[in-house]
Amino acid sequence: MDQEKIGKFVKEIRKKNNLTQKELADKYNVTYQAVSKWETGKNMPDTALIKQMSKDFNISIDDIFDGEYSKKNTNRKNIYIISITLIIITIIIILYLYKHNNSFEFKTLKSSCDNFNISGIISYNDLKSSIYISDITYCGPDDQTIYDNITCTLYEKNNDSSKIIDTCDYDKNSKTTLEDFLKDVSFTVDNYQKICKKYKQDSLYLEIQGTDENEKTISYKIPLKLENDCE
């Protein structure tokens, strides 16, 4: 057992806890001269004091007698620090993503065709956008035709090509008028990859096609106007 090494370790513990020799002495009801002798290795705390110091400063008795922190404790401390750091970083990332992904702006979509009234919105942030269309009504010339089949498709136009974004549900076995069909038509496109800033005015449009019992087909192309450009 190396008293000088133990003394240096006691001194290290004291300084790490911001204590003077007198404050450490008062803590254990000894003189500061006694503490000085501990730290120079001329003397040692008795066993009861060593046990109390171990408890007070969360240090194993073996470490005090060895005069140094064991590698096991050091590794455990490093693992603890690394774990806490990773937890903090993870929380920061989660909070950032949550805030980033939920800070949505909204723009209104409307029809720019005289035969239809359409209401919808685009919600967007810097990563994605979502399209919601819930109200489509026909306001053109009276049409009481019974259609065997009607389709309604949402497109995005890019130069000379068009991409299907979504199609509405319909019952192929149900005959219906255009007006009745549109009552149940809606579009919900979540997590659309294209961000709002890349939309151009009139790049979105609906196409409605109906075929009657005589296989006569009607077709409407309805541009959707975006309320201002996305910022």
Protein backbone atom coordinates (compact mmCIF):
# COMPACT_ATOMS: atom_id res chain seq x y z
CA MET A 1 0.00 0.00 0.00
CA ASP A 2 1.59 3.25 -1.19
CA GLN A 3 0.71 6.03 1.33
CA GLU A 4 2.15 8.76 -0.87
CA LYS A 5 0.00 7.62 -3.79
CA ILE A 6 -3.05 7.45 -1.55
CA GLY A 7 -2.30 10.96 -0.29
CA LYS A 8 -2.15 12.34 -3.83
CA PHE A 9 -5.46 10.62 -4.59
CA VAL A 10 -7.09 12.18 -1.50
CA LYS A 11 -5.80 15.57 -2.67
CA GLU A 12 -7.23 14.92 -6.15
CA ILE A 13 -10.61 14.05 -4.64
CA ARG A 14 -10.59 17.21 -2.51
CA LYS A 15 -9.75 19.51 -5.41
CA LYS A 16 -12.25 17.80 -7.72
CA ASN A 17 -14.95 18.65 -5.17
CA ASN A 18 -13.72 22.23 -4.75
CA LEU A 19 -12.81 21.84 -1.07
CA THR A 20 -9.96 23.46 0.85
CA GLN A 21 -7.92 21.45 3.31
CA LYS A 22 -9.79 23.20 6.15
CA GLU A 23 -13.21 22.45 4.61
CA LEU A 24 -12.29 18.77 4.25
CA ALA A 25 -10.93 18.75 7.79
CA ASP A 26 -14.13 20.31 9.17
CA LYS A 27 -16.20 17.78 7.24
CA TYR A 28 -14.52 14.92 9.11
CA ASN A 29 -13.85 16.69 12.42
CA VAL A 30 -10.08 16.66 12.08
CA THR A 31 -7.47 19.42 11.86
CA TYR A 32 -6.31 20.80 8.53
CA GLN A 33 -2.81 19.67 9.56
CA ALA A 34 -4.14 16.11 9.57
CA VAL A 35 -5.46 16.57 6.06
CA SER A 36 -2.08 17.99 5.01
CA LYS A 37 -0.35 14.89 6.37
CA TRP A 38 -2.81 12.64 4.47
CA GLU A 39 -2.05 14.41 1.22
CA THR A 40 1.73 14.27 1.66
CA GLY A 41 1.59 10.59 2.54
CA LYS A 42 2.94 11.11 6.07
CA ASN A 43 -0.23 9.71 7.54
CA MET A 44 -3.49 8.08 6.46
CA PRO A 45 -7.16 8.52 7.41
CA ASP A 46 -8.38 5.77 9.67
CA THR A 47 -10.57 3.01 8.24
CA ALA A 48 -13.83 4.61 9.40
CA LEU A 49 -12.96 7.89 7.62
CA ILE A 50 -11.95 6.06 4.45
CA LYS A 51 -15.31 4.27 4.43
CA GLN A 52 -17.12 7.60 4.94
CA MET A 53 -15.09 9.29 2.18
CA SER A 54 -15.91 6.40 -0.13
CA LYS A 55 -19.61 6.96 0.55
CA ASP A 56 -19.51 10.78 0.42
CA PHE A 57 -17.58 11.02 -2.86
CA ASN A 58 -18.99 7.90 -4.52
CA ILE A 59 -15.60 6.23 -4.80
CA SER A 60 -14.88 2.60 -4.05
CA ILE A 61 -12.71 1.81 -1.01
CA ASP A 62 -10.43 -0.21 -3.27
CA ASP A 63 -9.81 2.86 -5.42
CA ILE A 64 -8.79 4.87 -2.34
CA PHE A 65 -6.40 2.19 -1.15
CA ASP A 66 -5.00 1.80 -4.69
CA GLY A 67 -4.60 5.54 -4.96
CA GLU A 68 -6.29 5.74 -8.37
CA TYR A 69 -9.58 5.18 -10.17
CA SER A 70 -9.91 1.65 -11.43
CA LYS A 71 -10.12 1.13 -15.20
CA LYS A 72 -13.46 -0.58 -14.69
CA ASN A 73 -14.94 2.54 -13.09
CA THR A 74 -13.33 4.76 -15.70
CA ASN A 75 -14.79 2.68 -18.52
CA ARG A 76 -18.17 2.68 -16.81
CA LYS A 77 -18.01 6.45 -16.48
CA ASN A 78 -17.04 6.83 -20.14
CA ILE A 79 -19.88 4.56 -21.21
CA TYR A 80 -22.27 6.60 -19.06
CA ILE A 81 -21.07 9.87 -20.59
CA ILE A 82 -21.31 8.48 -24.13
CA SER A 83 -24.80 7.10 -23.44
CA ILE A 84 -26.03 10.42 -22.05
CA THR A 85 -24.51 12.26 -25.02
CA LEU A 86 -26.21 9.93 -27.51
CA ILE A 87 -29.55 10.33 -25.72
CA ILE A 88 -29.25 14.13 -25.84
CA ILE A 89 -28.31 14.07 -29.54
CA THR A 90 -31.23 11.72 -30.29
CA ILE A 91 -33.68 13.99 -28.46
CA ILE A 92 -32.37 17.02 -30.35
CA ILE A 93 -32.76 15.23 -33.70
CA ILE A 94 -36.29 14.04 -32.83
CA LEU A 95 -37.34 17.54 -31.75
CA TYR A 96 -35.83 19.03 -34.89
CA LEU A 97 -37.56 16.56 -37.19
CA TYR A 98 -40.84 16.92 -35.33
CA LYS A 99 -40.74 20.68 -35.62
CA HIS A 100 -39.49 20.58 -39.19
CA ASN A 101 -42.04 18.07 -40.39
CA ASN A 102 -45.02 19.62 -38.66
CA SER A 103 -44.53 23.28 -39.54
CA PHE A 104 -46.90 23.31 -42.49
CA GLU A 105 -48.01 26.20 -44.66
CA PHE A 106 -51.28 26.09 -46.60
CA LYS A 107 -52.32 27.25 -50.06
CA THR A 108 -55.79 27.09 -51.59
CA LEU A 109 -56.57 25.15 -54.76
CA LYS A 110 -59.48 26.27 -56.95
CA SER A 111 -60.81 25.34 -60.36
CA SER A 112 -60.14 27.60 -63.32
CA CYS A 113 -62.85 26.01 -65.47
CA ASP A 114 -66.35 27.49 -65.88
CA ASN A 115 -68.13 24.11 -65.62
CA PHE A 116 -66.87 23.08 -62.16
CA ASN A 117 -66.42 24.52 -58.72
CA ILE A 118 -63.56 22.83 -56.87
CA SER A 119 -62.17 23.57 -53.43
CA GLY A 120 -58.97 22.11 -52.01
CA ILE A 121 -55.71 22.90 -50.28
CA ILE A 122 -52.02 22.08 -50.48
CA SER A 123 -50.25 21.79 -47.13
CA TYR A 124 -46.47 21.84 -47.34
CA ASN A 125 -43.12 22.30 -45.66
CA ASP A 126 -39.54 22.11 -46.95
CA LEU A 127 -39.62 18.34 -47.36
CA LYS A 128 -42.98 17.35 -48.78
CA SER A 129 -46.51 18.42 -49.58
CA SER A 130 -49.99 16.98 -49.27
CA ILE A 131 -53.00 17.60 -51.50
CA TYR A 132 -56.61 17.58 -50.27
CA ILE A 133 -59.63 18.07 -52.53
CA SER A 134 -63.00 17.54 -50.87
CA ASP A 135 -65.60 19.55 -52.77
CA ILE A 136 -66.27 19.17 -56.51
CA THR A 137 -69.55 20.36 -58.00
CA TYR A 138 -70.72 20.56 -61.61
CA CYS A 139 -72.13 23.97 -62.59
CA GLY A 140 -72.15 23.68 -66.38
CA PRO A 141 -75.10 23.14 -68.72
CA ASP A 142 -77.79 20.82 -67.41
CA ASP A 143 -76.68 17.20 -67.75
CA GLN A 144 -79.10 14.46 -66.66
CA THR A 145 -77.31 11.74 -68.63
CA ILE A 146 -77.05 8.38 -66.88
CA TYR A 147 -73.48 7.19 -67.16
CA ASP A 148 -72.40 3.57 -67.04
CA ASN A 149 -68.88 4.54 -66.07
CA ILE A 150 -67.20 7.71 -64.79
CA THR A 151 -63.55 8.22 -63.91
CA CYS A 152 -61.91 11.13 -62.16
CA THR A 153 -58.11 11.47 -62.15
CA LEU A 154 -55.74 14.03 -60.62
CA TYR A 155 -52.75 14.84 -62.82
CA GLU A 156 -49.62 16.90 -62.58
CA LYS A 157 -48.45 18.41 -65.85
CA ASN A 158 -44.74 18.74 -66.52
CA ASN A 159 -43.91 20.30 -69.88
CA ASP A 160 -45.40 17.95 -72.50
CA SER A 161 -46.06 15.01 -70.18
CA SER A 162 -48.55 14.35 -67.40
CA LYS A 163 -48.20 12.21 -64.29
CA ILE A 164 -51.11 10.57 -62.47
CA ILE A 165 -51.10 11.60 -58.79
CA ASP A 166 -54.33 9.92 -57.69
CA THR A 167 -57.63 8.53 -58.95
CA CYS A 168 -61.00 8.67 -57.23
CA ASP A 169 -62.96 5.59 -56.23
CA TYR A 170 -66.08 4.66 -58.15
CA ASP A 171 -68.40 1.70 -58.53
CA LYS A 172 -68.22 0.38 -62.08
CA ASN A 173 -71.54 -1.41 -61.62
CA SER A 174 -73.50 1.67 -60.53
CA LYS A 175 -75.13 3.91 -63.09
CA THR A 176 -75.18 7.55 -62.04
CA THR A 177 -75.42 11.13 -63.20
CA LEU A 178 -72.34 13.34 -63.20
CA GLU A 179 -73.75 15.51 -60.43
CA ASP A 180 -74.48 12.54 -58.15
CA PHE A 181 -71.13 10.97 -58.85
CA LEU A 182 -69.22 14.11 -57.82
CA LYS A 183 -70.95 14.25 -54.43
CA ASP A 184 -68.76 11.42 -53.17
CA VAL A 185 -65.54 12.34 -54.95
CA SER A 186 -62.53 13.49 -52.90
CA PHE A 187 -58.77 13.24 -53.08
CA THR A 188 -56.32 12.84 -50.21
CA VAL A 189 -52.67 12.63 -51.22
CA ASP A 190 -50.44 12.49 -48.14
CA ASN A 191 -46.66 12.73 -48.09
CA TYR A 192 -46.37 13.70 -51.72
CA GLN A 193 -42.66 13.83 -52.50
CA LYS A 194 -42.76 16.94 -54.58
CA ILE A 195 -42.33 20.07 -52.48
CA CYS A 196 -44.72 22.94 -53.00
CA LYS A 197 -42.06 25.34 -54.30
CA LYS A 198 -41.76 23.23 -57.44
CA TYR A 199 -45.42 23.45 -58.38
CA LYS A 200 -46.22 25.78 -61.23
CA GLN A 201 -49.49 27.58 -61.68
CA ASP A 202 -52.00 25.35 -63.50
CA SER A 203 -49.65 22.35 -63.34
CA LEU A 204 -52.32 20.39 -61.47
CA TYR A 205 -55.55 19.42 -63.18
CA LEU A 206 -58.46 17.02 -62.89
CA GLU A 207 -59.72 14.96 -65.79
CA ILE A 208 -63.28 13.60 -65.65
CA GLN A 209 -64.52 11.12 -68.24
CA GLY A 210 -67.94 9.51 -68.47
CA THR A 211 -69.39 6.88 -70.83
CA ASP A 212 -73.15 6.43 -71.22
CA GLU A 213 -75.14 3.35 -72.28
CA ASN A 214 -74.72 4.33 -75.93
CA GLU A 215 -70.95 4.40 -75.43
CA LYS A 216 -70.92 8.15 -75.93
CA THR A 217 -68.06 9.69 -73.98
CA ILE A 218 -67.75 13.11 -72.38
CA SER A 219 -64.43 14.44 -71.15
CA TYR A 220 -63.55 17.46 -68.99
CA LYS A 221 -60.09 18.77 -68.25
CA ILE A 222 -60.19 21.08 -65.25
CA PRO A 223 -57.07 23.12 -64.39
CA LEU A 224 -56.53 23.82 -60.70
CA LYS A 225 -55.34 27.28 -59.78
CA LEU A 226 -52.93 27.60 -56.84
CA GLU A 227 -53.51 30.58 -54.58
CA ASN A 228 -50.20 32.43 -55.02
CA ASP A 229 -46.90 30.65 -55.40
CA CYS A 230 -45.41 28.65 -52.54
CA GLU A 231 -42.74 30.56 -50.68
